Amino acid sequence: MQAAAENDDAIEKRVALFQYRMVEEFYDLENDPDALHNLIDDPAYADEVERLRGALADRMKRTGDPAWQALENRQDPAALARFMEEQDARAARNTKKARKKR
């Protein structure tokens, strides 16, 4: 995609979107099927965003999802970085265990 982006403005925008993701995203996929216009901070959607955040947090807590604390701390870059470091370390341990089983 990066090579194609050099000659196509639409692809260049899509590549930039993937490279610089927001912590949260909310899209109107009916009117924006390519998910190019993040509405997360649009006041017109604030109630719906809060409702969905609450529903997601409730489900994550109920199911023991380890990422729920990252959701709760989504505005704290240091907390998110620690969470990602923990996930990377966990994945590395799991990969090492899987290789030993072979």
PDB file of N, CA and C in Angstrom:
ATOM      1  N   MET A   1       0.820  -1.187   0.000  1.00  0.00           N
ATOM      2  CA  MET A   1       0.000   0.000   0.000  1.00  0.00           C
ATOM      3  C   MET A   1       0.867   1.256   0.000  1.00  0.00           C
ATOM      4  N   GLN A   2       2.001   1.187   0.687  1.00  0.00           N
ATOM      5  CA  GLN A   2       2.846   2.374   0.734  1.00  0.00           C
ATOM      6  C   GLN A   2       3.376   2.738  -0.652  1.00  0.00           C
ATOM      7  N   ALA A   3       3.711   1.739  -1.444  1.00  0.00           N
ATOM      8  CA  ALA A   3       4.176   2.027  -2.804  1.00  0.00           C
ATOM      9  C   ALA A   3       3.046   2.624  -3.633  1.00  0.00           C
ATOM     10  N   ALA A   4       1.847   2.073  -3.516  1.00  0.00           N
ATOM     11  CA  ALA A   4       0.701   2.598  -4.257  1.00  0.00           C
ATOM     12  C   ALA A   4       0.338   4.004  -3.797  1.00  0.00           C
ATOM     13  N   ALA A   5       0.584   4.304  -2.517  1.00  0.00           N
ATOM     14  CA  ALA A   5       0.253   5.620  -1.963  1.00  0.00           C
ATOM     15  C   ALA A   5       1.066   6.735  -2.608  1.00  0.00           C
ATOM     16  N   GLU A   6       2.213   6.382  -3.144  1.00  0.00           N
ATOM     17  CA  GLU A   6       3.051   7.396  -3.776  1.00  0.00           C
ATOM     18  C   GLU A   6       2.374   8.029  -4.988  1.00  0.00           C
ATOM     19  N   ASN A   7       1.431   7.294  -5.604  1.00  0.00           N
ATOM     20  CA  ASN A   7       0.774   7.781  -6.818  1.00  0.00           C
ATOM     21  C   ASN A   7      -0.737   7.929  -6.686  1.00  0.00           C
ATOM     22  N   ASP A   8      -1.265   7.720  -5.488  1.00  0.00           N
ATOM     23  CA  ASP A   8      -2.721   7.758  -5.318  1.00  0.00           C
ATOM     24  C   ASP A   8      -3.055   8.444  -3.996  1.00  0.00           C
ATOM     25  N   ASP A   9      -3.694   9.619  -4.085  1.00  0.00           N
ATOM     26  CA  ASP A   9      -4.016  10.391  -2.878  1.00  0.00           C
ATOM     27  C   ASP A   9      -4.934   9.637  -1.925  1.00  0.00           C
ATOM     28  N   ALA A  10      -5.900   8.914  -2.452  1.00  0.00           N
ATOM     29  CA  ALA A  10      -6.830   8.173  -1.597  1.00  0.00           C
ATOM     30  C   ALA A  10      -6.104   7.084  -0.813  1.00  0.00           C
ATOM     31  N   ILE A  11      -5.216   6.377  -1.474  1.00  0.00           N
ATOM     32  CA  ILE A  11      -4.445   5.323  -0.795  1.00  0.00           C
ATOM     33  C   ILE A  11      -3.474   5.958   0.196  1.00  0.00           C
ATOM     34  N   GLU A  12      -2.908   7.088  -0.154  1.00  0.00           N
ATOM     35  CA  GLU A  12      -2.001   7.788   0.770  1.00  0.00           C
ATOM     36  C   GLU A  12      -2.735   8.148   2.064  1.00  0.00           C
ATOM     37  N   LYS A  13      -3.977   8.624   1.957  1.00  0.00           N
ATOM     38  CA  LYS A  13      -4.764   8.952   3.151  1.00  0.00           C
ATOM     39  C   LYS A  13      -5.047   7.700   3.976  1.00  0.00           C
ATOM     40  N   ARG A  14      -5.338   6.607   3.311  1.00  0.00           N
ATOM     41  CA  ARG A  14      -5.622   5.355   4.017  1.00  0.00           C
ATOM     42  C   ARG A  14      -4.375   4.857   4.757  1.00  0.00           C
ATOM     43  N   VAL A  15      -3.212   4.925   4.117  1.00  0.00           N
ATOM     44  CA  VAL A  15      -1.964   4.510   4.757  1.00  0.00           C
ATOM     45  C   VAL A  15      -1.707   5.376   5.986  1.00  0.00           C
ATOM     46  N   ALA A  16      -1.898   6.684   5.854  1.00  0.00           N
ATOM     47  CA  ALA A  16      -1.692   7.590   6.992  1.00  0.00           C
ATOM     48  C   ALA A  16      -2.642   7.249   8.129  1.00  0.00           C
ATOM     49  N   LEU A  17      -3.871   6.897   7.803  1.00  0.00           N
ATOM     50  CA  LEU A  17      -4.840   6.519   8.822  1.00  0.00           C
ATOM     51  C   LEU A  17      -4.357   5.302   9.607  1.00  0.00           C
ATOM     52  N   PHE A  18      -3.816   4.313   8.923  1.00  0.00           N
ATOM     53  CA  PHE A  18      -3.336   3.112   9.605  1.00  0.00           C
ATOM     54  C   PHE A  18      -2.057   3.371  10.400  1.00  0.00           C
ATOM     55  N   GLN A  19      -1.230   4.274   9.920  1.00  0.00           N
ATOM     56  CA  GLN A  19       0.029   4.555  10.616  1.00  0.00           C
ATOM     57  C   GLN A  19      -0.179   5.372  11.881  1.00  0.00           C
ATOM     58  N   TYR A  20      -1.177   6.216  11.886  1.00  0.00           N
ATOM     59  CA  TYR A  20      -1.388   7.140  13.011  1.00  0.00           C
ATOM     60  C   TYR A  20      -2.794   6.960  13.579  1.00  0.00           C
ATOM     61  N   ARG A  21      -3.070   5.758  14.078  1.00  0.00           N
ATOM     62  CA  ARG A  21      -4.383   5.432  14.617  1.00  0.00           C
ATOM     63  C   ARG A  21      -4.666   6.254  15.859  1.00  0.00           C
ATOM     64  N   MET A  22      -5.942   6.528  16.053  1.00  0.00           N
ATOM     65  CA  MET A  22      -6.407   7.183  17.267  1.00  0.00           C
ATOM     66  C   MET A  22      -6.616   6.104  18.328  1.00  0.00           C
ATOM     67  N   VAL A  23      -6.630   6.508  19.580  1.00  0.00           N
ATOM     68  CA  VAL A  23      -6.888   5.562  20.662  1.00  0.00           C
ATOM     69  C   VAL A  23      -8.298   5.010  20.534  1.00  0.00           C
ATOM     70  N   GLU A  24      -9.235   5.872  20.167  1.00  0.00           N
ATOM     71  CA  GLU A  24     -10.622   5.439  19.957  1.00  0.00           C
ATOM     72  C   GLU A  24     -11.093   5.917  18.598  1.00  0.00           C
ATOM     73  N   GLU A  25     -11.964   5.124  18.013  1.00  0.00           N
ATOM     74  CA  GLU A  25     -12.520   5.481  16.713  1.00  0.00           C
ATOM     75  C   GLU A  25     -14.002   5.158  16.699  1.00  0.00           C
ATOM     76  N   PHE A  26     -14.766   5.992  16.002  1.00  0.00           N
ATOM     77  CA  PHE A  26     -16.204   5.802  15.873  1.00  0.00           C
ATOM     78  C   PHE A  26     -16.599   6.314  14.495  1.00  0.00           C
ATOM     79  N   TYR A  27     -17.170   5.438  13.698  1.00  0.00           N
ATOM     80  CA  TYR A  27     -17.478   5.786  12.311  1.00  0.00           C
ATOM     81  C   TYR A  27     -18.943   5.549  11.990  1.00  0.00           C
ATOM     82  N   ASP A  28     -19.456   6.334  11.064  1.00  0.00           N
ATOM     83  CA  ASP A  28     -20.770   6.134  10.472  1.00  0.00           C
ATOM     84  C   ASP A  28     -20.522   5.354   9.177  1.00  0.00           C
ATOM     85  N   LEU A  29     -20.511   4.038   9.282  1.00  0.00           N
ATOM     86  CA  LEU A  29     -20.128   3.206   8.135  1.00  0.00           C
ATOM     87  C   LEU A  29     -21.142   3.252   6.996  1.00  0.00           C
ATOM     88  N   GLU A  30     -22.373   3.638   7.304  1.00  0.00           N
ATOM     89  CA  GLU A  30     -23.357   3.768   6.234  1.00  0.00           C
ATOM     90  C   GLU A  30     -22.997   4.934   5.311  1.00  0.00           C
ATOM     91  N   ASN A  31     -22.575   6.050   5.897  1.00  0.00           N
ATOM     92  CA  ASN A  31     -22.233   7.232   5.112  1.00  0.00           C
ATOM     93  C   ASN A  31     -20.733   7.355   4.839  1.00  0.00           C
ATOM     94  N   ASP A  32     -19.933   6.573   5.537  1.00  0.00           N
ATOM     95  CA  ASP A  32     -18.469   6.608   5.389  1.00  0.00           C
ATOM     96  C   ASP A  32     -17.950   5.167   5.394  1.00  0.00           C
ATOM     97  N   PRO A  33     -18.281   4.390   4.358  1.00  0.00           N
ATOM     98  CA  PRO A  33     -17.931   2.966   4.352  1.00  0.00           C
ATOM     99  C   PRO A  33     -16.426   2.688   4.398  1.00  0.00           C
ATOM    100  N   ASP A  34     -15.614   3.653   4.037  1.00  0.00           N
ATOM    101  CA  ASP A  34     -14.168   3.466   4.097  1.00  0.00           C
ATOM    102  C   ASP A  34     -13.591   3.881   5.445  1.00  0.00           C
ATOM    103  N   ALA A  35     -14.458   4.302   6.365  1.00  0.00           N
ATOM    104  CA  ALA A  35     -14.043   4.693   7.722  1.00  0.00           C
ATOM    105  C   ALA A  35     -12.899   5.707   7.688  1.00  0.00           C
ATOM    106  N   LEU A  36     -13.126   6.803   6.991  1.00  0.00           N
ATOM    107  CA  LEU A  36     -12.098   7.834   6.870  1.00  0.00           C
ATOM    108  C   LEU A  36     -12.324   9.019   7.798  1.00  0.00           C
ATOM    109  N   HIS A  37     -13.552   9.166   8.329  1.00  0.00           N
ATOM    110  CA  HIS A  37     -13.890  10.331   9.149  1.00  0.00           C
ATOM    111  C   HIS A  37     -14.272   9.876  10.550  1.00  0.00           C
ATOM    112  N   ASN A  38     -13.309   9.949  11.452  1.00  0.00           N
ATOM    113  CA  ASN A  38     -13.516   9.523  12.830  1.00  0.00           C
ATOM    114  C   ASN A  38     -14.439  10.528  13.533  1.00  0.00           C
ATOM    115  N   LEU A  39     -15.547  10.033  14.061  1.00  0.00           N
ATOM    116  CA  LEU A  39     -16.535  10.880  14.714  1.00  0.00           C
ATOM    117  C   LEU A  39     -16.461  10.810  16.237  1.00  0.00           C
ATOM    118  N   ILE A  40     -15.392  10.244  16.786  1.00  0.00           N
ATOM    119  CA  ILE A  40     -15.293  10.000  18.214  1.00  0.00           C
ATOM    120  C   ILE A  40     -15.482  11.276  19.030  1.00  0.00           C
ATOM    121  N   ASP A  41     -15.043  12.418  18.538  1.00  0.00           N
ATOM    122  CA  ASP A  41     -15.160  13.673  19.281  1.00  0.00           C
ATOM    123  C   ASP A  41     -16.305  14.558  18.800  1.00  0.00           C
ATOM    124  N   ASP A  42     -17.125  14.043  17.898  1.00  0.00           N
ATOM    125  CA  ASP A  42     -18.251  14.817  17.375  1.00  0.00           C
ATOM    126  C   ASP A  42     -19.354  14.863  18.435  1.00  0.00           C
ATOM    127  N   PRO A  43     -19.718  16.062  18.908  1.00  0.00           N
ATOM    128  CA  PRO A  43     -20.748  16.171  19.950  1.00  0.00           C
ATOM    129  C   PRO A  43     -22.082  15.521  19.567  1.00  0.00           C
ATOM    130  N   ALA A  44     -22.380  15.440  18.296  1.00  0.00           N
ATOM    131  CA  ALA A  44     -23.636  14.826  17.857  1.00  0.00           C
ATOM    132  C   ALA A  44     -23.704  13.345  18.203  1.00  0.00           C
ATOM    133  N   TYR A  45     -22.548  12.710  18.420  1.00  0.00           N
ATOM    134  CA  TYR A  45     -22.499  11.279  18.713  1.00  0.00           C
ATOM    135  C   TYR A  45     -22.077  10.983  20.144  1.00  0.00           C
ATOM    136  N   ALA A  46     -21.930  12.007  20.982  1.00  0.00           N
ATOM    137  CA  ALA A  46     -21.393  11.836  22.339  1.00  0.00           C
ATOM    138  C   ALA A  46     -22.199  10.837  23.164  1.00  0.00           C
ATOM    139  N   ASP A  47     -23.516  10.912  23.115  1.00  0.00           N
ATOM    140  CA  ASP A  47     -24.338   9.985  23.910  1.00  0.00           C
ATOM    141  C   ASP A  47     -24.148   8.541  23.459  1.00  0.00           C
ATOM    142  N   GLU A  48     -24.114   8.331  22.151  1.00  0.00           N
ATOM    143  CA  GLU A  48     -23.940   6.980  21.614  1.00  0.00           C
ATOM    144  C   GLU A  48     -22.552   6.441  21.941  1.00  0.00           C
ATOM    145  N   VAL A  49     -21.543   7.275  21.837  1.00  0.00           N
ATOM    146  CA  VAL A  49     -20.175   6.859  22.165  1.00  0.00           C
ATOM    147  C   VAL A  49     -20.102   6.453  23.636  1.00  0.00           C
ATOM    148  N   GLU A  50     -20.669   7.256  24.525  1.00  0.00           N
ATOM    149  CA  GLU A  50     -20.650   6.929  25.959  1.00  0.00           C
ATOM    150  C   GLU A  50     -21.414   5.640  26.250  1.00  0.00           C
ATOM    151  N   ARG A  51     -22.551   5.442  25.587  1.00  0.00           N
ATOM    152  CA  ARG A  51     -23.329   4.216  25.774  1.00  0.00           C
ATOM    153  C   ARG A  51     -22.503   3.001  25.358  1.00  0.00           C
ATOM    154  N   LEU A  52     -21.848   3.100  24.214  1.00  0.00           N
ATOM    155  CA  LEU A  52     -21.043   1.984  23.716  1.00  0.00           C
ATOM    156  C   LEU A  52     -19.801   1.746  24.563  1.00  0.00           C
ATOM    157  N   ARG A  53     -19.172   2.819  25.045  1.00  0.00           N
ATOM    158  CA  ARG A  53     -18.025   2.657  25.950  1.00  0.00           C
ATOM    159  C   ARG A  53     -18.442   1.889  27.198  1.00  0.00           C
ATOM    160  N   GLY A  54     -19.576   2.274  27.758  1.00  0.00           N
ATOM    161  CA  GLY A  54     -20.064   1.611  28.964  1.00  0.00           C
ATOM    162  C   GLY A  54     -20.375   0.142  28.720  1.00  0.00           C
ATOM    163  N   ALA A  55     -21.045  -0.140  27.610  1.00  0.00           N
ATOM    164  CA  ALA A  55     -21.385  -1.527  27.277  1.00  0.00           C
ATOM    165  C   ALA A  55     -20.119  -2.359  27.064  1.00  0.00           C
ATOM    166  N   LEU A  56     -19.131  -1.773  26.393  1.00  0.00           N
ATOM    167  CA  LEU A  56     -17.878  -2.480  26.158  1.00  0.00           C
ATOM    168  C   LEU A  56     -17.157  -2.745  27.478  1.00  0.00           C
ATOM    169  N   ALA A  57     -17.063  -1.733  28.326  1.00  0.00           N
ATOM    170  CA  ALA A  57     -16.387  -1.900  29.621  1.00  0.00           C
ATOM    171  C   ALA A  57     -17.085  -2.964  30.457  1.00  0.00           C
ATOM    172  N   ASP A  58     -18.411  -2.942  30.494  1.00  0.00           N
ATOM    173  CA  ASP A  58     -19.158  -3.946  31.258  1.00  0.00           C
ATOM    174  C   ASP A  58     -18.854  -5.355  30.760  1.00  0.00           C
ATOM    175  N   ARG A  59     -18.882  -5.538  29.464  1.00  0.00           N
ATOM    176  CA  ARG A  59     -18.611  -6.869  28.896  1.00  0.00           C
ATOM    177  C   ARG A  59     -17.171  -7.306  29.172  1.00  0.00           C
ATOM    178  N   MET A  60     -16.236  -6.379  29.016  1.00  0.00           N
ATOM    179  CA  MET A  60     -14.829  -6.710  29.245  1.00  0.00           C
ATOM    180  C   MET A  60     -14.604  -7.136  30.694  1.00  0.00           C
ATOM    181  N   LYS A  61     -15.227  -6.421  31.634  1.00  0.00           N
ATOM    182  CA  LYS A  61     -15.099  -6.773  33.055  1.00  0.00           C
ATOM    183  C   LYS A  61     -15.725  -8.138  33.331  1.00  0.00           C
ATOM    184  N   ARG A  62     -16.928  -8.364  32.788  1.00  0.00           N
ATOM    185  CA  ARG A  62     -17.640  -9.634  33.003  1.00  0.00           C
ATOM    186  C   ARG A  62     -16.870 -10.830  32.482  1.00  0.00           C
ATOM    187  N   THR A  63     -16.176 -10.638  31.368  1.00  0.00           N
ATOM    188  CA  THR A  63     -15.479 -11.761  30.733  1.00  0.00           C
ATOM    189  C   THR A  63     -14.014 -11.851  31.141  1.00  0.00           C
ATOM    190  N   GLY A  64     -13.576 -10.945  32.003  1.00  0.00           N
ATOM    191  CA  GLY A  64     -12.185 -10.981  32.449  1.00  0.00           C
ATOM    192  C   GLY A  64     -11.193 -10.572  31.374  1.00  0.00           C
ATOM    193  N   ASP A  65     -11.610  -9.754  30.446  1.00  0.00           N
ATOM    194  CA  ASP A  65     -10.730  -9.303  29.369  1.00  0.00           C
ATOM    195  C   ASP A  65      -9.584  -8.484  29.957  1.00  0.00           C
ATOM    196  N   PRO A  66      -8.340  -8.889  29.721  1.00  0.00           N
ATOM    197  CA  PRO A  66      -7.214  -8.157  30.301  1.00  0.00           C
ATOM    198  C   PRO A  66      -7.070  -6.736  29.750  1.00  0.00           C
ATOM    199  N   ALA A  67      -7.734  -6.425  28.667  1.00  0.00           N
ATOM    200  CA  ALA A  67      -7.609  -5.091  28.073  1.00  0.00           C
ATOM    201  C   ALA A  67      -8.586  -4.083  28.678  1.00  0.00           C
ATOM    202  N   TRP A  68      -9.453  -4.501  29.596  1.00  0.00           N
ATOM    203  CA  TRP A  68     -10.418  -3.536  30.112  1.00  0.00           C
ATOM    204  C   TRP A  68      -9.726  -2.409  30.865  1.00  0.00           C
ATOM    205  N   GLN A  69      -8.614  -2.714  31.546  1.00  0.00           N
ATOM    206  CA  GLN A  69      -7.895  -1.643  32.244  1.00  0.00           C
ATOM    207  C   GLN A  69      -7.281  -0.655  31.241  1.00  0.00           C
ATOM    208  N   ALA A  70      -6.875  -1.135  30.097  1.00  0.00           N
ATOM    209  CA  ALA A  70      -6.372  -0.236  29.054  1.00  0.00           C
ATOM    210  C   ALA A  70      -7.504   0.670  28.580  1.00  0.00           C
ATOM    211  N   LEU A  71      -8.700   0.115  28.452  1.00  0.00           N
ATOM    212  CA  LEU A  71      -9.855   0.931  28.072  1.00  0.00           C
ATOM    213  C   LEU A  71     -10.112   2.000  29.130  1.00  0.00           C
ATOM    214  N   GLU A  72     -10.071   1.604  30.382  1.00  0.00           N
ATOM    215  CA  GLU A  72     -10.319   2.548  31.466  1.00  0.00           C
ATOM    216  C   GLU A  72      -9.253   3.644  31.519  1.00  0.00           C
ATOM    217  N   ASN A  73      -8.032   3.331  31.086  1.00  0.00           N
ATOM    218  CA  ASN A  73      -6.916   4.282  31.127  1.00  0.00           C
ATOM    219  C   ASN A  73      -6.551   4.802  29.738  1.00  0.00           C
ATOM    220  N   ARG A  74      -7.507   4.813  28.836  1.00  0.00           N
ATOM    221  CA  ARG A  74      -7.228   5.132  27.433  1.00  0.00           C
ATOM    222  C   ARG A  74      -6.666   6.537  27.218  1.00  0.00           C
ATOM    223  N   GLN A  75      -6.841   7.439  28.175  1.00  0.00           N
ATOM    224  CA  GLN A  75      -6.321   8.801  28.024  1.00  0.00           C
ATOM    225  C   GLN A  75      -4.916   8.957  28.616  1.00  0.00           C
ATOM    226  N   ASP A  76      -4.356   7.868  29.134  1.00  0.00           N
ATOM    227  CA  ASP A  76      -3.034   7.902  29.771  1.00  0.00           C
ATOM    228  C   ASP A  76      -2.034   7.161  28.889  1.00  0.00           C
ATOM    229  N   PRO A  77      -1.244   7.888  28.085  1.00  0.00           N
ATOM    230  CA  PRO A  77      -0.301   7.232  27.176  1.00  0.00           C
ATOM    231  C   PRO A  77       0.668   6.287  27.884  1.00  0.00           C
ATOM    232  N   ALA A  78       1.102   6.637  29.092  1.00  0.00           N
ATOM    233  CA  ALA A  78       2.038   5.774  29.817  1.00  0.00           C
ATOM    234  C   ALA A  78       1.362   4.457  30.198  1.00  0.00           C
ATOM    235  N   ALA A  79       0.110   4.524  30.639  1.00  0.00           N
ATOM    236  CA  ALA A  79      -0.622   3.303  31.000  1.00  0.00           C
ATOM    237  C   ALA A  79      -0.831   2.427  29.769  1.00  0.00           C
ATOM    238  N   LEU A  80      -1.149   3.041  28.641  1.00  0.00           N
ATOM    239  CA  LEU A  80      -1.339   2.273  27.412  1.00  0.00           C
ATOM    240  C   LEU A  80      -0.023   1.643  26.957  1.00  0.00           C
ATOM    241  N   ALA A  81       1.063   2.377  27.098  1.00  0.00           N
ATOM    242  CA  ALA A  81       2.375   1.828  26.726  1.00  0.00           C
ATOM    243  C   ALA A  81       2.720   0.635  27.612  1.00  0.00           C
ATOM    244  N   ARG A  82       2.452   0.737  28.930  1.00  0.00           N
ATOM    245  CA  ARG A  82       2.717  -0.392  29.834  1.00  0.00           C
ATOM    246  C   ARG A  82       1.870  -1.599  29.439  1.00  0.00           C
ATOM    247  N   PHE A  83       0.605  -1.361  29.125  1.00  0.00           N
ATOM    248  CA  PHE A  83      -0.270  -2.458  28.710  1.00  0.00           C
ATOM    249  C   PHE A  83       0.280  -3.149  27.467  1.00  0.00           C
ATOM    250  N   MET A  84       0.701  -2.371  26.486  1.00  0.00           N
ATOM    251  CA  MET A  84       1.225  -2.957  25.250  1.00  0.00           C
ATOM    252  C   MET A  84       2.531  -3.708  25.512  1.00  0.00           C
ATOM    253  N   GLU A  85       3.375  -3.183  26.377  1.00  0.00           N
ATOM    254  CA  GLU A  85       4.608  -3.885  26.729  1.00  0.00           C
ATOM    255  C   GLU A  85       4.288  -5.225  27.392  1.00  0.00           C
ATOM    256  N   GLU A  86       3.291  -5.232  28.282  1.00  0.00           N
ATOM    257  CA  GLU A  86       2.877  -6.476  28.935  1.00  0.00           C
ATOM    258  C   GLU A  86       2.354  -7.477  27.912  1.00  0.00           C
ATOM    259  N   GLN A  87       1.589  -7.002  26.937  1.00  0.00           N
ATOM    260  CA  GLN A  87       1.044  -7.896  25.920  1.00  0.00           C
ATOM    261  C   GLN A  87       2.151  -8.450  25.028  1.00  0.00           C
ATOM    262  N   ASP A  88       3.115  -7.605  24.682  1.00  0.00           N
ATOM    263  CA  ASP A  88       4.249  -8.069  23.878  1.00  0.00           C
ATOM    264  C   ASP A  88       5.045  -9.134  24.633  1.00  0.00           C
ATOM    265  N   ALA A  89       5.273  -8.901  25.934  1.00  0.00           N
ATOM    266  CA  ALA A  89       6.021  -9.876  26.749  1.00  0.00           C
ATOM    267  C   ALA A  89       5.230 -11.185  26.856  1.00  0.00           C
ATOM    268  N   ARG A  90       3.936 -11.080  27.041  1.00  0.00           N
ATOM    269  CA  ARG A  90       3.079 -12.281  27.124  1.00  0.00           C
ATOM    270  C   ARG A  90       3.132 -13.071  25.815  1.00  0.00           C
ATOM    271  N   ALA A  91       3.049 -12.359  24.702  1.00  0.00           N
ATOM    272  CA  ALA A  91       3.107 -13.029  23.397  1.00  0.00           C
ATOM    273  C   ALA A  91       4.456 -13.718  23.202  1.00  0.00           C
ATOM    274  N   ALA A  92       5.521 -13.061  23.623  1.00  0.00           N
ATOM    275  CA  ALA A  92       6.856 -13.660  23.489  1.00  0.00           C
ATOM    276  C   ALA A  92       6.959 -14.922  24.329  1.00  0.00           C
ATOM    277  N   ARG A  93       6.416 -14.892  25.559  1.00  0.00           N
ATOM    278  CA  ARG A  93       6.437 -16.089  26.412  1.00  0.00           C
ATOM    279  C   ARG A  93       5.632 -17.219  25.776  1.00  0.00           C
ATOM    280  N   ASN A  94       4.478 -16.887  25.226  1.00  0.00           N
ATOM    281  CA  ASN A  94       3.640 -17.907  24.598  1.00  0.00           C
ATOM    282  C   ASN A  94       4.314 -18.499  23.362  1.00  0.00           C
ATOM    283  N   THR A  95       4.998 -17.663  22.604  1.00  0.00           N
ATOM    284  CA  THR A  95       5.722 -18.146  21.423  1.00  0.00           C
ATOM    285  C   THR A  95       6.847 -19.083  21.845  1.00  0.00           C
ATOM    286  N   LYS A  96       7.552 -18.703  22.890  1.00  0.00           N
ATOM    287  CA  LYS A  96       8.650 -19.537  23.388  1.00  0.00           C
ATOM    288  C   LYS A  96       8.124 -20.889  23.866  1.00  0.00           C
ATOM    289  N   LYS A  97       6.997 -20.902  24.588  1.00  0.00           N
ATOM    290  CA  LYS A  97       6.389 -22.151  25.061  1.00  0.00           C
ATOM    291  C   LYS A  97       5.971 -23.023  23.886  1.00  0.00           C
ATOM    292  N   ALA A  98       5.381 -22.405  22.874  1.00  0.00           N
ATOM    293  CA  ALA A  98       4.921 -23.163  21.709  1.00  0.00           C
ATOM    294  C   ALA A  98       6.099 -23.797  20.972  1.00  0.00           C
ATOM    295  N   ARG A  99       7.202 -23.083  20.878  1.00  0.00           N
ATOM    296  CA  ARG A  99       8.385 -23.647  20.208  1.00  0.00           C
ATOM    297  C   ARG A  99       8.957 -24.814  20.996  1.00  0.00           C
ATOM    298  N   LYS A 100       8.913 -24.744  22.325  1.00  0.00           N
ATOM    299  CA  LYS A 100       9.440 -25.830  23.148  1.00  0.00           C
ATOM    300  C   LYS A 100       8.596 -27.100  22.974  1.00  0.00           C
ATOM    301  N   LYS A 101       7.314 -26.954  22.711  1.00  0.00           N
ATOM    302  CA  LYS A 101       6.422 -28.111  22.571  1.00  0.00           C
ATOM    303  C   LYS A 101       6.674 -28.862  21.275  1.00  0.00           C
ATOM    304  N   ARG A 102       7.295 -28.221  20.313  1.00  0.00           N
ATOM    305  CA  ARG A 102       7.529 -28.851  18.999  1.00  0.00           C
ATOM    306  C   ARG A 102       8.560 -29.869  19.075  1.00  0.00           C
TER     307      ARG A 102
END
